[in-house]
Structures are given as C-alpha cells and as structure tokens.
C-alpha cells in the first residue's frame, strides 16, 4: 500500500508488523470501499475479500462479523495517523511541526473520505449493522490509553519551549480537536471562504491551540 513520503513509510513499518498481511489487506479494502462512497450498511464481506484478493473463508478466520472488520479498519486508519505523530515526537520535532503534520493528515483524510461523510454515515445509520458497528467501537475504547501517553510526550515538547502551561490531557485534546474541527470546516467550505488563505488558516489553528493551552 502507498504511504506517501519516506517519513510516513518508516513510521508505519512497525505498525504494519503488528497486523497479519491479510488483515491489513482487508482493512485497506474496507477503507478503499468507503473512500469510493460505498455505504457500510449494505457492504458485503464478499466485496471486501474480493477487493483484498483473499477468500471469504479466510476473512472469518480473523473476524467473527463484518462489524468487527469495519471497526478494525477504522481503528487501523487512526493508528496509522497516531504512528506518524508518535514518530515525529520521538524524533523531537517541534510542537508546531507536529500540529501542521496533523493538519496535513486531516487534509488528506478529508479529501479521501469526502469530509465528514464517513462519520456521518456511521452516526446516522439506524440499521442493525450500524448499531453493531457502534457497539464494536464502544468495546474498543480501552485502546485510548496510548493516546494519553502520546499527549504527555507532546506536552513535554511544547513545555520545553515554554509554549503551553496546560497539563490536563482532556483539556489538551479538547483544545486541539476543537481547532482541527474548525480547520475541517474551512476545508469543507473553501468555495465560500475564498478570502481566507490556506496558510493563514493553518497558522490561526496553531495560534488558537497555543492560546487555549495557556
């Protein structure tokens, strides 16, 4: 699968080693199908396995249900982003560079999945499939501890430069995610915000995050 630049490929190498190749193939197939506009409530396991180039029986050797597969794919997509950010933190990149890298990934994800369309489909689906998917996501919340560790390291980088004073993990992510949501709105409505320059919008996101964390 394509990872873009060498930095991303290096960061994701360890992540991919945690998953069997056939599982990665199925996750990527799910994500590609979502990117093409397929609705998960009518998506069939046979479509996923056909796109992944494996047998349907193989899929059930790894997953009990389609929902398990979709939840895994969503978590895998998130893990790819987290792996890149973690690599930047380990290399001692600046807080600003890491925030901007996050904005780059948001741009790529917005383009690939048509903004918040994927999230909207998950939340608006009222079928048994949709409920099963949300239940599966609920069971996976225990994996969030790694994000707390990541936040502590990220704050350490910012604190070393005297950029931020906030230490509460919840408040940190509230500040970052709120501004990323603002940037996502900007990306989704650029045709109506032509007077706003992309670089200026990105700089405003960074400066607002700094203000919120002090």
N, C-alpha and C. Protein backbone atom coordinates (compact mmCIF):
# COMPACT_ATOMS: atom_id res chain seq x y z
N UNK A 1 0.84 -1.19 0.00
CA UNK A 1 0.00 0.00 0.00
C UNK A 1 0.87 1.24 0.00
N UNK A 2 0.42 2.33 -0.60
CA UNK A 2 1.23 3.54 -0.69
C UNK A 2 1.14 4.36 0.56
N UNK A 3 2.32 4.87 1.01
CA UNK A 3 2.34 5.64 2.23
C UNK A 3 2.76 7.08 2.02
N UNK A 4 3.02 7.47 0.79
CA UNK A 4 3.47 8.84 0.59
C UNK A 4 4.96 8.91 0.79
N UNK A 5 5.42 9.86 1.61
CA UNK A 5 6.85 10.09 1.73
C UNK A 5 7.52 9.04 2.61
N UNK A 6 8.87 9.07 2.58
CA UNK A 6 9.65 8.10 3.33
C UNK A 6 9.42 8.17 4.82
N UNK A 7 9.20 9.37 5.34
CA UNK A 7 8.96 9.54 6.78
C UNK A 7 7.72 8.77 7.20
N UNK A 8 6.65 8.83 6.43
CA UNK A 8 5.44 8.10 6.77
C UNK A 8 5.66 6.60 6.65
N UNK A 9 6.38 6.17 5.60
CA UNK A 9 6.63 4.75 5.41
C UNK A 9 7.41 4.18 6.59
N UNK A 10 8.40 4.94 7.05
CA UNK A 10 9.21 4.49 8.19
C UNK A 10 8.35 4.38 9.44
N UNK A 11 7.50 5.36 9.67
CA UNK A 11 6.66 5.37 10.87
C UNK A 11 5.67 4.22 10.87
N UNK A 12 5.18 3.85 9.69
CA UNK A 12 4.15 2.83 9.61
C UNK A 12 4.70 1.41 9.54
N UNK A 13 6.02 1.29 9.35
CA UNK A 13 6.60 -0.04 9.22
C UNK A 13 6.31 -0.88 10.46
N UNK A 14 6.56 -0.33 11.64
CA UNK A 14 6.32 -1.06 12.87
C UNK A 14 4.85 -1.37 13.06
N UNK A 15 3.98 -0.44 12.66
CA UNK A 15 2.54 -0.65 12.80
C UNK A 15 2.09 -1.84 11.97
N UNK A 16 2.55 -1.92 10.73
CA UNK A 16 2.11 -2.99 9.85
C UNK A 16 2.59 -4.35 10.34
N UNK A 17 3.73 -4.36 11.05
CA UNK A 17 4.24 -5.62 11.57
C UNK A 17 3.35 -6.18 12.68
N UNK A 18 2.47 -5.35 13.23
CA UNK A 18 1.57 -5.80 14.29
C UNK A 18 0.35 -6.52 13.71
N UNK A 19 0.12 -6.38 12.41
CA UNK A 19 -1.05 -6.98 11.78
C UNK A 19 -0.62 -8.02 10.74
N UNK A 20 -1.31 -9.16 10.68
CA UNK A 20 -1.05 -10.12 9.60
C UNK A 20 -1.33 -9.44 8.25
N UNK A 21 -0.54 -9.74 7.23
CA UNK A 21 -0.73 -9.11 5.91
C UNK A 21 -2.15 -9.21 5.37
N UNK A 22 -2.82 -10.34 5.61
CA UNK A 22 -4.18 -10.49 5.09
C UNK A 22 -5.17 -9.58 5.84
N UNK A 23 -4.90 -9.33 7.12
CA UNK A 23 -5.75 -8.40 7.88
C UNK A 23 -5.56 -6.99 7.35
N UNK A 24 -4.30 -6.60 7.10
CA UNK A 24 -4.03 -5.28 6.53
C UNK A 24 -4.74 -5.14 5.18
N UNK A 25 -4.68 -6.18 4.36
CA UNK A 25 -5.34 -6.15 3.05
C UNK A 25 -6.84 -5.93 3.19
N UNK A 26 -7.45 -6.59 4.17
CA UNK A 26 -8.89 -6.41 4.39
C UNK A 26 -9.21 -5.02 4.91
N UNK A 27 -8.39 -4.51 5.84
CA UNK A 27 -8.61 -3.16 6.35
C UNK A 27 -8.50 -2.14 5.22
N UNK A 28 -7.47 -2.28 4.40
CA UNK A 28 -7.28 -1.34 3.30
C UNK A 28 -8.43 -1.44 2.30
N UNK A 29 -8.94 -2.65 2.10
CA UNK A 29 -10.07 -2.83 1.19
C UNK A 29 -11.31 -2.11 1.72
N UNK A 30 -11.57 -2.25 3.03
CA UNK A 30 -12.70 -1.56 3.65
C UNK A 30 -12.57 -0.06 3.46
N UNK A 31 -11.38 0.47 3.75
CA UNK A 31 -11.15 1.91 3.65
C UNK A 31 -11.28 2.40 2.21
N UNK A 32 -10.78 1.61 1.26
CA UNK A 32 -10.90 1.99 -0.15
C UNK A 32 -12.37 2.01 -0.58
N UNK A 33 -13.13 1.04 -0.10
CA UNK A 33 -14.55 0.98 -0.45
C UNK A 33 -15.30 2.17 0.14
N UNK A 34 -14.97 2.54 1.39
CA UNK A 34 -15.57 3.74 1.98
C UNK A 34 -15.22 4.98 1.18
N UNK A 35 -13.94 5.05 0.76
CA UNK A 35 -13.47 6.22 0.01
C UNK A 35 -14.20 6.34 -1.32
N UNK A 36 -14.62 5.20 -1.87
CA UNK A 36 -15.33 5.22 -3.16
C UNK A 36 -16.81 5.57 -2.99
N UNK A 37 -17.25 5.69 -1.72
CA UNK A 37 -18.64 6.09 -1.47
C UNK A 37 -19.56 4.95 -1.08
N UNK A 38 -19.02 3.74 -0.93
CA UNK A 38 -19.87 2.62 -0.53
C UNK A 38 -20.42 2.83 0.87
N UNK A 39 -21.66 2.43 1.08
CA UNK A 39 -22.30 2.56 2.38
C UNK A 39 -22.07 1.29 3.19
N UNK A 40 -21.60 1.45 4.43
CA UNK A 40 -21.23 0.25 5.20
C UNK A 40 -22.42 -0.63 5.54
N UNK A 41 -23.64 -0.06 5.60
CA UNK A 41 -24.81 -0.84 5.98
C UNK A 41 -25.18 -1.88 4.92
N UNK A 42 -24.75 -1.65 3.67
CA UNK A 42 -25.05 -2.61 2.60
C UNK A 42 -23.78 -3.29 2.08
N UNK A 43 -22.66 -2.96 2.67
CA UNK A 43 -21.39 -3.56 2.26
C UNK A 43 -21.36 -5.05 2.62
N UNK A 44 -20.90 -5.87 1.70
CA UNK A 44 -20.86 -7.32 1.93
C UNK A 44 -19.41 -7.77 2.17
N UNK A 45 -19.28 -8.79 2.99
CA UNK A 45 -17.95 -9.36 3.26
C UNK A 45 -17.32 -9.82 1.95
N UNK A 46 -18.12 -10.36 1.06
CA UNK A 46 -17.59 -10.84 -0.22
C UNK A 46 -16.97 -9.71 -1.03
N UNK A 47 -17.55 -8.48 -0.93
CA UNK A 47 -16.96 -7.33 -1.62
C UNK A 47 -15.60 -6.98 -1.05
N UNK A 48 -15.52 -7.03 0.27
CA UNK A 48 -14.27 -6.69 0.95
C UNK A 48 -13.17 -7.69 0.59
N UNK A 49 -13.52 -8.98 0.68
CA UNK A 49 -12.50 -10.00 0.41
C UNK A 49 -12.09 -10.02 -1.06
N UNK A 50 -13.05 -9.73 -1.95
CA UNK A 50 -12.72 -9.68 -3.38
C UNK A 50 -11.73 -8.56 -3.65
N UNK A 51 -11.97 -7.40 -3.04
CA UNK A 51 -11.07 -6.26 -3.23
C UNK A 51 -9.71 -6.53 -2.58
N UNK A 52 -9.72 -7.27 -1.46
CA UNK A 52 -8.47 -7.57 -0.76
C UNK A 52 -7.70 -8.70 -1.44
N UNK A 53 -8.38 -9.43 -2.34
CA UNK A 53 -7.72 -10.52 -3.05
C UNK A 53 -7.54 -11.77 -2.21
N UNK A 54 -8.47 -12.00 -1.28
CA UNK A 54 -8.40 -13.20 -0.45
C UNK A 54 -9.76 -13.90 -0.45
N UNK A 55 -9.80 -15.14 0.06
CA UNK A 55 -11.05 -15.89 0.10
C UNK A 55 -11.94 -15.44 1.25
N UNK A 56 -13.25 -15.58 1.06
CA UNK A 56 -14.21 -15.19 2.10
C UNK A 56 -13.99 -16.00 3.37
N UNK A 57 -13.67 -17.29 3.21
CA UNK A 57 -13.44 -18.13 4.38
C UNK A 57 -12.25 -17.65 5.20
N UNK A 58 -11.25 -17.08 4.52
CA UNK A 58 -10.07 -16.55 5.23
C UNK A 58 -10.46 -15.41 6.15
N UNK A 59 -11.38 -14.58 5.69
CA UNK A 59 -11.81 -13.43 6.50
C UNK A 59 -12.39 -13.88 7.82
N UNK A 60 -13.18 -14.94 7.80
CA UNK A 60 -13.81 -15.41 9.03
C UNK A 60 -12.82 -16.17 9.93
N UNK A 61 -11.61 -16.38 9.42
CA UNK A 61 -10.57 -16.91 10.27
C UNK A 61 -10.00 -15.84 11.19
N UNK A 62 -10.24 -14.57 10.82
CA UNK A 62 -9.73 -13.44 11.60
C UNK A 62 -10.85 -12.65 12.29
N UNK A 63 -12.04 -12.64 11.68
CA UNK A 63 -13.15 -11.83 12.20
C UNK A 63 -14.42 -12.67 12.31
N UNK A 64 -15.21 -12.37 13.35
CA UNK A 64 -16.47 -13.10 13.55
C UNK A 64 -17.60 -12.46 12.75
N UNK A 65 -17.53 -11.13 12.59
CA UNK A 65 -18.61 -10.41 11.90
C UNK A 65 -18.03 -9.33 10.99
N UNK A 66 -18.88 -8.84 10.12
CA UNK A 66 -18.49 -7.73 9.26
C UNK A 66 -18.20 -6.49 10.09
N UNK A 67 -19.00 -6.28 11.15
CA UNK A 67 -18.80 -5.12 12.00
C UNK A 67 -17.42 -5.11 12.65
N UNK A 68 -16.95 -6.29 13.05
CA UNK A 68 -15.62 -6.41 13.63
C UNK A 68 -14.56 -5.94 12.63
N UNK A 69 -14.76 -6.31 11.39
CA UNK A 69 -13.83 -5.95 10.33
C UNK A 69 -13.83 -4.44 10.11
N UNK A 70 -15.01 -3.84 10.10
CA UNK A 70 -15.12 -2.40 9.86
C UNK A 70 -14.54 -1.61 11.02
N UNK A 71 -14.85 -2.04 12.26
CA UNK A 71 -14.29 -1.39 13.44
C UNK A 71 -12.76 -1.47 13.39
N UNK A 72 -12.24 -2.63 13.03
CA UNK A 72 -10.80 -2.80 12.94
C UNK A 72 -10.20 -1.87 11.91
N UNK A 73 -10.87 -1.70 10.78
CA UNK A 73 -10.37 -0.83 9.71
C UNK A 73 -10.33 0.63 10.17
N UNK A 74 -11.37 1.06 10.89
CA UNK A 74 -11.41 2.44 11.38
C UNK A 74 -10.29 2.68 12.39
N UNK A 75 -10.10 1.70 13.28
CA UNK A 75 -9.02 1.82 14.27
C UNK A 75 -7.65 1.77 13.60
N UNK A 76 -7.52 0.97 12.56
CA UNK A 76 -6.26 0.86 11.83
C UNK A 76 -5.93 2.20 11.16
N UNK A 77 -6.94 2.82 10.58
CA UNK A 77 -6.73 4.13 9.95
C UNK A 77 -6.26 5.15 10.99
N UNK A 78 -6.90 5.14 12.15
CA UNK A 78 -6.49 6.06 13.22
C UNK A 78 -5.08 5.74 13.70
N UNK A 79 -4.77 4.44 13.81
CA UNK A 79 -3.45 4.02 14.28
C UNK A 79 -2.35 4.46 13.33
N UNK A 80 -2.64 4.51 12.02
CA UNK A 80 -1.66 4.97 11.06
C UNK A 80 -1.27 6.42 11.33
N UNK A 81 -2.28 7.24 11.61
CA UNK A 81 -2.02 8.65 11.91
C UNK A 81 -1.25 8.80 13.22
N UNK A 82 -1.66 8.03 14.22
CA UNK A 82 -1.00 8.10 15.52
C UNK A 82 0.45 7.66 15.40
N UNK A 83 0.72 6.64 14.58
CA UNK A 83 2.09 6.15 14.40
C UNK A 83 2.99 7.23 13.82
N UNK A 84 2.45 7.99 12.87
CA UNK A 84 3.24 9.07 12.26
C UNK A 84 3.53 10.15 13.28
N UNK A 85 2.51 10.55 14.05
CA UNK A 85 2.70 11.57 15.07
C UNK A 85 3.69 11.09 16.14
N UNK A 86 3.57 9.83 16.54
CA UNK A 86 4.47 9.28 17.55
C UNK A 86 5.91 9.31 17.06
N UNK A 87 6.10 9.00 15.79
CA UNK A 87 7.45 9.03 15.22
C UNK A 87 8.02 10.44 15.24
N UNK A 88 7.19 11.43 14.92
CA UNK A 88 7.64 12.82 14.94
C UNK A 88 8.02 13.25 16.36
N UNK A 89 7.22 12.81 17.33
CA UNK A 89 7.50 13.15 18.73
C UNK A 89 8.82 12.52 19.17
N UNK A 90 9.03 11.25 18.81
CA UNK A 90 10.26 10.56 19.20
C UNK A 90 11.48 11.23 18.57
N UNK A 91 11.30 11.78 17.39
CA UNK A 91 12.42 12.45 16.72
C UNK A 91 12.62 13.89 17.21
N UNK A 92 11.74 14.33 18.13
CA UNK A 92 11.90 15.66 18.71
C UNK A 92 11.47 16.80 17.82
N UNK A 93 10.54 16.53 16.90
CA UNK A 93 10.02 17.61 16.06
C UNK A 93 9.33 18.66 16.94
N UNK A 94 9.26 19.87 16.45
CA UNK A 94 8.65 20.94 17.24
C UNK A 94 7.14 20.75 17.35
N UNK A 95 6.56 21.34 18.37
CA UNK A 95 5.11 21.29 18.59
C UNK A 95 4.38 21.82 17.36
N UNK A 96 4.87 22.91 16.80
CA UNK A 96 4.23 23.49 15.62
C UNK A 96 4.30 22.54 14.42
N UNK A 97 5.46 21.92 14.21
CA UNK A 97 5.60 20.99 13.09
C UNK A 97 4.65 19.80 13.23
N UNK A 98 4.47 19.34 14.45
CA UNK A 98 3.57 18.21 14.68
C UNK A 98 2.11 18.60 14.44
N UNK A 99 1.73 19.80 14.90
CA UNK A 99 0.37 20.27 14.64
C UNK A 99 0.13 20.41 13.14
N UNK A 100 1.10 20.95 12.43
CA UNK A 100 0.95 21.12 10.98
C UNK A 100 0.91 19.77 10.26
N UNK A 101 1.67 18.80 10.76
CA UNK A 101 1.60 17.45 10.18
C UNK A 101 0.20 16.88 10.39
N UNK A 102 -0.38 17.14 11.56
CA UNK A 102 -1.74 16.70 11.82
C UNK A 102 -2.73 17.34 10.85
N UNK A 103 -2.51 18.61 10.54
CA UNK A 103 -3.38 19.30 9.59
C UNK A 103 -3.21 18.72 8.19
N UNK A 104 -1.98 18.35 7.84
CA UNK A 104 -1.74 17.69 6.54
C UNK A 104 -2.55 16.40 6.44
N UNK A 105 -2.53 15.61 7.52
CA UNK A 105 -3.26 14.35 7.52
C UNK A 105 -4.76 14.58 7.48
N UNK A 106 -5.21 15.64 8.14
CA UNK A 106 -6.64 15.98 8.10
C UNK A 106 -7.05 16.34 6.68
N UNK A 107 -6.20 17.08 5.98
CA UNK A 107 -6.48 17.43 4.59
C UNK A 107 -6.59 16.17 3.72
N UNK A 108 -5.62 15.26 3.90
CA UNK A 108 -5.63 14.02 3.11
C UNK A 108 -6.87 13.19 3.40
N UNK A 109 -7.23 13.07 4.69
CA UNK A 109 -8.39 12.28 5.08
C UNK A 109 -9.68 12.91 4.57
N UNK A 110 -9.76 14.23 4.66
CA UNK A 110 -10.95 14.95 4.18
C UNK A 110 -11.14 14.73 2.69
N UNK A 111 -10.03 14.78 1.96
CA UNK A 111 -10.10 14.58 0.51
C UNK A 111 -10.51 13.14 0.18
N UNK A 112 -9.92 12.18 0.89
CA UNK A 112 -10.17 10.77 0.59
C UNK A 112 -11.59 10.34 0.94
N UNK A 113 -12.07 10.80 2.10
CA UNK A 113 -13.38 10.34 2.58
C UNK A 113 -14.48 11.39 2.44
N UNK A 114 -14.23 12.38 1.61
CA UNK A 114 -15.26 13.39 1.34
C UNK A 114 -15.72 14.07 2.63
N UNK A 115 -14.76 14.67 3.31
CA UNK A 115 -15.07 15.40 4.53
C UNK A 115 -15.48 14.49 5.65
N UNK A 116 -16.59 14.83 6.31
CA UNK A 116 -17.08 14.04 7.42
C UNK A 116 -18.12 13.02 6.98
N UNK A 117 -18.16 12.73 5.69
CA UNK A 117 -19.20 11.84 5.16
C UNK A 117 -19.17 10.48 5.83
N UNK A 118 -17.97 9.92 6.04
CA UNK A 118 -17.88 8.60 6.66
C UNK A 118 -18.44 8.63 8.07
N UNK A 119 -18.04 9.62 8.87
CA UNK A 119 -18.54 9.72 10.24
C UNK A 119 -20.05 9.92 10.25
N UNK A 120 -20.54 10.74 9.34
CA UNK A 120 -21.98 11.00 9.27
C UNK A 120 -22.75 9.72 8.95
N UNK A 121 -22.19 8.89 8.07
CA UNK A 121 -22.87 7.64 7.72
C UNK A 121 -22.94 6.71 8.93
N UNK A 122 -21.85 6.68 9.71
CA UNK A 122 -21.83 5.82 10.89
C UNK A 122 -22.88 6.27 11.90
N UNK A 123 -22.90 7.59 12.17
CA UNK A 123 -23.79 8.10 13.21
C UNK A 123 -25.25 8.10 12.80
N UNK A 124 -25.52 8.24 11.51
CA UNK A 124 -26.92 8.33 11.06
C UNK A 124 -27.53 6.97 10.76
N UNK A 125 -26.70 5.94 10.62
CA UNK A 125 -27.22 4.62 10.28
C UNK A 125 -28.04 4.05 11.43
N UNK A 126 -29.23 3.58 11.16
CA UNK A 126 -30.11 3.05 12.20
C UNK A 126 -30.41 1.56 11.99
N UNK A 127 -29.66 0.93 11.12
CA UNK A 127 -29.87 -0.49 10.87
C UNK A 127 -29.18 -1.31 11.95
N UNK A 128 -29.44 -2.59 11.94
CA UNK A 128 -28.75 -3.48 12.88
C UNK A 128 -27.25 -3.40 12.67
N UNK A 129 -26.84 -3.28 11.41
CA UNK A 129 -25.42 -3.18 11.10
C UNK A 129 -24.81 -1.96 11.77
N UNK A 130 -25.49 -0.83 11.67
CA UNK A 130 -24.97 0.39 12.27
C UNK A 130 -24.84 0.28 13.78
N UNK A 131 -25.86 -0.30 14.41
CA UNK A 131 -25.82 -0.47 15.87
C UNK A 131 -24.69 -1.41 16.26
N UNK A 132 -24.50 -2.45 15.45
CA UNK A 132 -23.42 -3.39 15.72
C UNK A 132 -22.06 -2.73 15.62
N UNK A 133 -21.93 -1.83 14.65
CA UNK A 133 -20.67 -1.12 14.47
C UNK A 133 -20.38 -0.22 15.65
N UNK A 134 -21.37 0.55 16.09
CA UNK A 134 -21.18 1.44 17.23
C UNK A 134 -20.88 0.66 18.50
N UNK A 135 -21.53 -0.51 18.65
CA UNK A 135 -21.25 -1.35 19.82
C UNK A 135 -19.82 -1.85 19.79
N UNK A 136 -19.35 -2.18 18.59
CA UNK A 136 -17.97 -2.63 18.45
C UNK A 136 -16.98 -1.55 18.79
N UNK A 137 -17.26 -0.34 18.36
CA UNK A 137 -16.38 0.80 18.68
C UNK A 137 -16.35 1.05 20.18
N UNK A 138 -17.49 0.89 20.82
CA UNK A 138 -17.58 1.10 22.27
C UNK A 138 -16.65 0.13 23.01
N UNK A 139 -16.60 -1.11 22.53
CA UNK A 139 -15.76 -2.13 23.17
C UNK A 139 -14.28 -1.84 23.01
N UNK A 140 -13.93 -1.02 22.03
CA UNK A 140 -12.52 -0.78 21.73
C UNK A 140 -11.96 0.44 22.45
N UNK A 141 -12.73 1.06 23.33
CA UNK A 141 -12.29 2.29 23.98
C UNK A 141 -11.05 2.10 24.85
N UNK A 142 -10.83 0.85 25.31
CA UNK A 142 -9.68 0.65 26.19
C UNK A 142 -8.36 0.95 25.50
N UNK A 143 -8.36 0.99 24.17
CA UNK A 143 -7.13 1.28 23.44
C UNK A 143 -6.72 2.74 23.52
N UNK A 144 -7.50 3.58 24.17
CA UNK A 144 -7.22 5.01 24.21
C UNK A 144 -6.06 5.37 25.14
N UNK A 145 -5.60 4.41 25.97
CA UNK A 145 -4.54 4.74 26.92
C UNK A 145 -3.29 5.20 26.20
N UNK A 146 -3.03 4.67 24.99
CA UNK A 146 -1.82 5.03 24.27
C UNK A 146 -1.86 6.50 23.86
N UNK A 147 -3.08 7.02 23.61
CA UNK A 147 -3.21 8.42 23.24
C UNK A 147 -2.84 9.32 24.42
N UNK A 148 -3.14 8.85 25.65
CA UNK A 148 -2.78 9.64 26.83
C UNK A 148 -1.26 9.74 26.94
N UNK A 149 -0.58 8.63 26.73
CA UNK A 149 0.88 8.62 26.78
C UNK A 149 1.45 9.53 25.71
N UNK A 150 0.85 9.48 24.53
CA UNK A 150 1.29 10.32 23.42
C UNK A 150 1.12 11.80 23.77
N UNK A 151 0.01 12.12 24.41
CA UNK A 151 -0.26 13.50 24.80
C UNK A 151 0.77 14.02 25.78
N UNK A 152 1.13 13.19 26.74
CA UNK A 152 2.13 13.59 27.74
C UNK A 152 3.44 13.93 27.05
N UNK A 153 3.85 13.11 26.08
CA UNK A 153 5.09 13.37 25.36
C UNK A 153 4.99 14.64 24.52
N UNK A 154 3.83 14.82 23.90
CA UNK A 154 3.62 16.01 23.07
C UNK A 154 3.68 17.27 23.93
N UNK A 155 3.07 17.21 25.10
CA UNK A 155 3.12 18.35 26.02
C UNK A 155 4.54 18.63 26.47
N UNK A 156 5.32 17.56 26.63
CA UNK A 156 6.71 17.73 27.03
C UNK A 156 7.48 18.55 26.02
N UNK A 157 7.25 18.29 24.74
CA UNK A 157 7.93 19.05 23.69
C UNK A 157 7.54 20.52 23.75
N UNK A 158 6.24 20.78 23.94
CA UNK A 158 5.76 22.16 23.99
C UNK A 158 6.25 22.87 25.25
N UNK A 159 6.27 22.14 26.38
CA UNK A 159 6.68 22.74 27.65
C UNK A 159 8.15 23.13 27.63
N UNK A 160 8.97 22.32 26.97
CA UNK A 160 10.40 22.62 26.89
C UNK A 160 10.67 23.99 26.27
N UNK A 161 9.81 24.38 25.36
CA UNK A 161 9.95 25.67 24.69
C UNK A 161 9.12 26.76 25.36
N UNK A 162 8.47 26.40 26.47
CA UNK A 162 7.66 27.38 27.18
C UNK A 162 6.42 27.82 26.43
N UNK A 163 5.90 26.92 25.56
CA UNK A 163 4.76 27.29 24.72
C UNK A 163 3.42 27.14 25.43
N UNK A 164 3.28 26.10 26.26
CA UNK A 164 1.99 25.85 26.89
C UNK A 164 2.16 25.56 28.38
N UNK A 165 1.09 25.80 29.13
CA UNK A 165 1.10 25.56 30.56
C UNK A 165 0.11 24.47 30.97
N UNK A 166 -0.90 24.22 30.14
CA UNK A 166 -1.93 23.24 30.45
C UNK A 166 -1.34 21.83 30.53
N UNK A 167 -1.77 21.03 31.52
CA UNK A 167 -1.28 19.67 31.68
C UNK A 167 -2.41 18.63 31.70
N UNK A 168 -3.64 19.09 31.72
CA UNK A 168 -4.77 18.18 31.75
C UNK A 168 -4.98 17.58 30.35
N UNK A 169 -4.88 16.25 30.26
CA UNK A 169 -4.95 15.58 28.96
C UNK A 169 -6.26 15.85 28.25
N UNK A 170 -7.37 15.81 29.00
CA UNK A 170 -8.68 16.06 28.38
C UNK A 170 -8.75 17.47 27.79
N UNK A 171 -8.25 18.44 28.54
CA UNK A 171 -8.29 19.83 28.05
C UNK A 171 -7.38 20.02 26.85
N UNK A 172 -6.26 19.31 26.85
CA UNK A 172 -5.34 19.41 25.71
C UNK A 172 -6.01 18.92 24.44
N UNK A 173 -6.62 17.72 24.50
CA UNK A 173 -7.27 17.20 23.31
C UNK A 173 -8.51 17.99 22.93
N UNK A 174 -9.19 18.55 23.92
CA UNK A 174 -10.34 19.40 23.62
C UNK A 174 -9.89 20.61 22.80
N UNK A 175 -8.77 21.19 23.21
CA UNK A 175 -8.25 22.36 22.50
C UNK A 175 -7.81 22.00 21.09
N UNK A 176 -7.04 20.92 20.97
CA UNK A 176 -6.53 20.53 19.65
C UNK A 176 -7.67 20.12 18.72
N UNK A 177 -8.56 19.26 19.21
CA UNK A 177 -9.63 18.76 18.35
C UNK A 177 -10.62 19.85 17.96
N UNK A 178 -10.86 20.79 18.88
CA UNK A 178 -11.79 21.88 18.54
C UNK A 178 -11.24 22.71 17.38
N UNK A 179 -9.94 22.96 17.38
CA UNK A 179 -9.35 23.75 16.31
C UNK A 179 -9.20 22.94 15.02
N UNK A 180 -8.99 21.63 15.16
CA UNK A 180 -8.97 20.79 13.97
C UNK A 180 -10.36 20.74 13.34
N UNK A 181 -11.40 20.77 14.17
CA UNK A 181 -12.77 20.81 13.65
C UNK A 181 -13.01 22.10 12.88
N UNK A 182 -12.45 23.20 13.39
CA UNK A 182 -12.56 24.49 12.69
C UNK A 182 -11.88 24.40 11.33
N UNK A 183 -10.71 23.77 11.31
CA UNK A 183 -9.98 23.65 10.04
C UNK A 183 -10.72 22.72 9.08
N UNK A 184 -11.35 21.67 9.62
CA UNK A 184 -12.14 20.77 8.78
C UNK A 184 -13.31 21.53 8.14
N UNK A 185 -13.91 22.44 8.92
CA UNK A 185 -15.00 23.28 8.38
C UNK A 185 -14.46 24.15 7.25
N UNK A 186 -13.27 24.70 7.46
CA UNK A 186 -12.63 25.53 6.43
C UNK A 186 -12.42 24.71 5.16
N UNK A 187 -11.91 23.49 5.29
CA UNK A 187 -11.67 22.64 4.13
C UNK A 187 -12.96 22.30 3.39
N UNK A 188 -14.02 22.08 4.15
CA UNK A 188 -15.29 21.68 3.55
C UNK A 188 -16.02 22.83 2.87
N UNK A 189 -15.64 24.06 3.21
CA UNK A 189 -16.36 25.22 2.67
C UNK A 189 -15.43 26.25 2.05
N UNK A 190 -14.34 25.76 1.46
CA UNK A 190 -13.36 26.69 0.89
C UNK A 190 -13.93 27.54 -0.23
N UNK A 191 -14.94 27.01 -0.93
CA UNK A 191 -15.52 27.79 -2.02
C UNK A 191 -16.24 29.03 -1.49
N UNK A 192 -16.67 29.00 -0.23
CA UNK A 192 -17.35 30.15 0.37
C UNK A 192 -16.39 31.00 1.22
N UNK A 193 -15.16 30.51 1.38
CA UNK A 193 -14.18 31.21 2.21
C UNK A 193 -12.92 31.53 1.41
N UNK A 194 -13.13 31.95 0.17
CA UNK A 194 -12.01 32.18 -0.73
C UNK A 194 -11.11 33.31 -0.27
N UNK A 195 -11.64 34.19 0.58
CA UNK A 195 -10.81 35.30 1.07
C UNK A 195 -9.84 34.85 2.15
N UNK A 196 -10.02 33.62 2.64
CA UNK A 196 -9.14 33.08 3.68
C UNK A 196 -8.05 32.24 3.04
N UNK A 197 -6.81 32.62 3.24
CA UNK A 197 -5.68 31.90 2.69
C UNK A 197 -5.43 30.61 3.48
N UNK A 198 -5.08 29.52 2.79
CA UNK A 198 -4.84 28.24 3.46
C UNK A 198 -3.76 28.35 4.53
N UNK A 199 -2.63 28.96 4.19
CA UNK A 199 -1.54 29.08 5.16
C UNK A 199 -1.96 29.91 6.37
N UNK A 200 -2.75 30.95 6.12
CA UNK A 200 -3.23 31.79 7.22
C UNK A 200 -4.18 31.01 8.11
N UNK A 201 -5.01 30.16 7.50
CA UNK A 201 -5.95 29.34 8.27
C UNK A 201 -5.19 28.35 9.15
N UNK A 202 -4.15 27.75 8.62
CA UNK A 202 -3.34 26.80 9.38
C UNK A 202 -2.62 27.50 10.53
N UNK A 203 -2.08 28.67 10.27
CA UNK A 203 -1.39 29.43 11.32
C UNK A 203 -2.37 29.83 12.41
N UNK A 204 -3.58 30.19 12.02
CA UNK A 204 -4.60 30.57 13.01
C UNK A 204 -4.95 29.39 13.90
N UNK A 205 -5.04 28.18 13.33
CA UNK A 205 -5.30 26.98 14.11
C UNK A 205 -4.21 26.80 15.16
N UNK A 206 -2.97 26.90 14.75
CA UNK A 206 -1.86 26.71 15.67
C UNK A 206 -1.88 27.76 16.79
N UNK A 207 -2.06 29.01 16.42
CA UNK A 207 -2.06 30.09 17.41
C UNK A 207 -3.23 29.96 18.38
N UNK A 208 -4.38 29.52 17.89
CA UNK A 208 -5.54 29.32 18.78
C UNK A 208 -5.31 28.18 19.75
N UNK A 209 -4.65 27.12 19.29
CA UNK A 209 -4.33 26.00 20.18
C UNK A 209 -3.41 26.48 21.31
N UNK A 210 -2.41 27.27 20.95
CA UNK A 210 -1.49 27.81 21.97
C UNK A 210 -2.25 28.66 22.99
N UNK A 211 -3.15 29.49 22.50
CA UNK A 211 -3.95 30.34 23.41
C UNK A 211 -4.80 29.51 24.35
N UNK A 212 -5.42 28.46 23.81
CA UNK A 212 -6.31 27.62 24.61
C UNK A 212 -5.55 26.81 25.67
N UNK A 213 -4.27 26.59 25.43
CA UNK A 213 -3.48 25.77 26.36
C UNK A 213 -2.67 26.61 27.34
N UNK A 214 -3.00 27.91 27.41
CA UNK A 214 -2.31 28.80 28.35
C UNK A 214 -3.32 29.59 29.18
